[in-house]
Amino acid sequence: GGKDAINTTIINFNNEKMQITWATRELFHNENVSFFYTFGEGKHKVWKPCTTYLLDQDYNSGCLFKTEGPTLAISIRNSNGSEELFSKKLKADFYIKPSPPENVTFFWEEDSVTVSCNKPERNAWCLRLELQYKSKFDKEWQSRTSKCCRVGEQGFDPRKCYSFRVRLRRLVPYCNVVNYSSDWEAETFWRNGTLLDSCDDDVTPQSQTVIVLSCSLAVLLMMLILLILLCKWQRVQMSVLPAIPDPKYPFADLFNDHNGNLQEWLDKNEHMVLQTKLEYEEPESITEAENQQEDGKNSEKPGPSENIFTVPGAAENNYGKEAEIACLIPVCNTTAPFAGFQILMNDDMYVML
């Protein structure tokens, strides 16, 4: 309570510089305070005013000064220094923030790496060397810590690129009351003992194989889908829009032999039709004549008790034969099927479409 109740942040940078900060806007409203410090002990202390202030919106919020000893006393006062607002004594050595490791080296042996740095001159036993690493395929850093100033790790894949960074940590609570670590040393990139500029182009052979196989499967799948769609489209097209036959194939002789002259083509085909008809009717005529001769012979041979009768319906039978003969003669307008088309022929054998 009292004058020791406010929060301050104390950092001793590698036992070389001290930085004391406070929340000026929360503690001292609209008041610009002054800071004094001393490394002396006893009644005859020599208070030194701060020469390098840290500002927060034009108000003093901290002081930076040189480390001169292990014991420190600080005093925050009003603007003219006549009234003390806060005071505190502390061990400067318990607030040390170490500097980054110097002269960091990497030693590779197969899948193992050993990292080392220069050993600090003072209190090296209070420090721990921390190593962190990760590959491009790792989401988080892997960490290993060892005594200053050497740390090793194994199990690295020689095909992968790794990022490395190191820092020094101060032991708590044996050496520090605050867990301070140094800033990270510059990040470096390694693959199988070779220093690289970056790991941006790091692709393992396994990942390359996976990429090639994935692309090949994707291409094959797309080709299969396109083939299926093409077959289905052809079926739909044939059902919705059936193909129109080309007339030059059923009437090849019309275009090849007669150059599209329809009348010439019809005249030629008329002779072929009549010749075919005569060849078909000729056997029928011969068969009919032979039947008439056989009937005549049978009539010349009278039977033993043969009687000749006159049938009243004979005239009707003759009329029926005449009708059959008349049906064989084509009429003036006759429709003849040809190659899937119905052709109307008149007496002059012209085509009526």
Foldseek 3Di string as FASTA:
>chain_A
DAQAPFDWAWAQEQLWKIKIFGDCCVPPPPFAKWKWKFPDDDDDTDIDTADAFDDDPNHGGMGMDTRDDQKMKMFIGGPVRPGTRHIDIDGNQQRYAYAFFAPWDWDDDQFKIKIAGDQDPPDQQQKKKKKWKDFPPDDDIDIDIDRHTMDMDGDHDLLTKMKMKMWMWGDPPVGHPDTHIHDIDDIWIDHRRDTDPDRPVRDGPVNVVVVVVVVVVVVVVVVVVVVVVVVVVVVVCCVVPNDDDDVCVLPVCCCPVVVVPPVVVLVVVVVVVVVVVCVVCVVVVVVVVVVVVVVVVVVVDDDPPDDDDDDPCPVVVVVVVVVVVVVVDDDQWDWDDGPNDTWIQGPVGDTDD
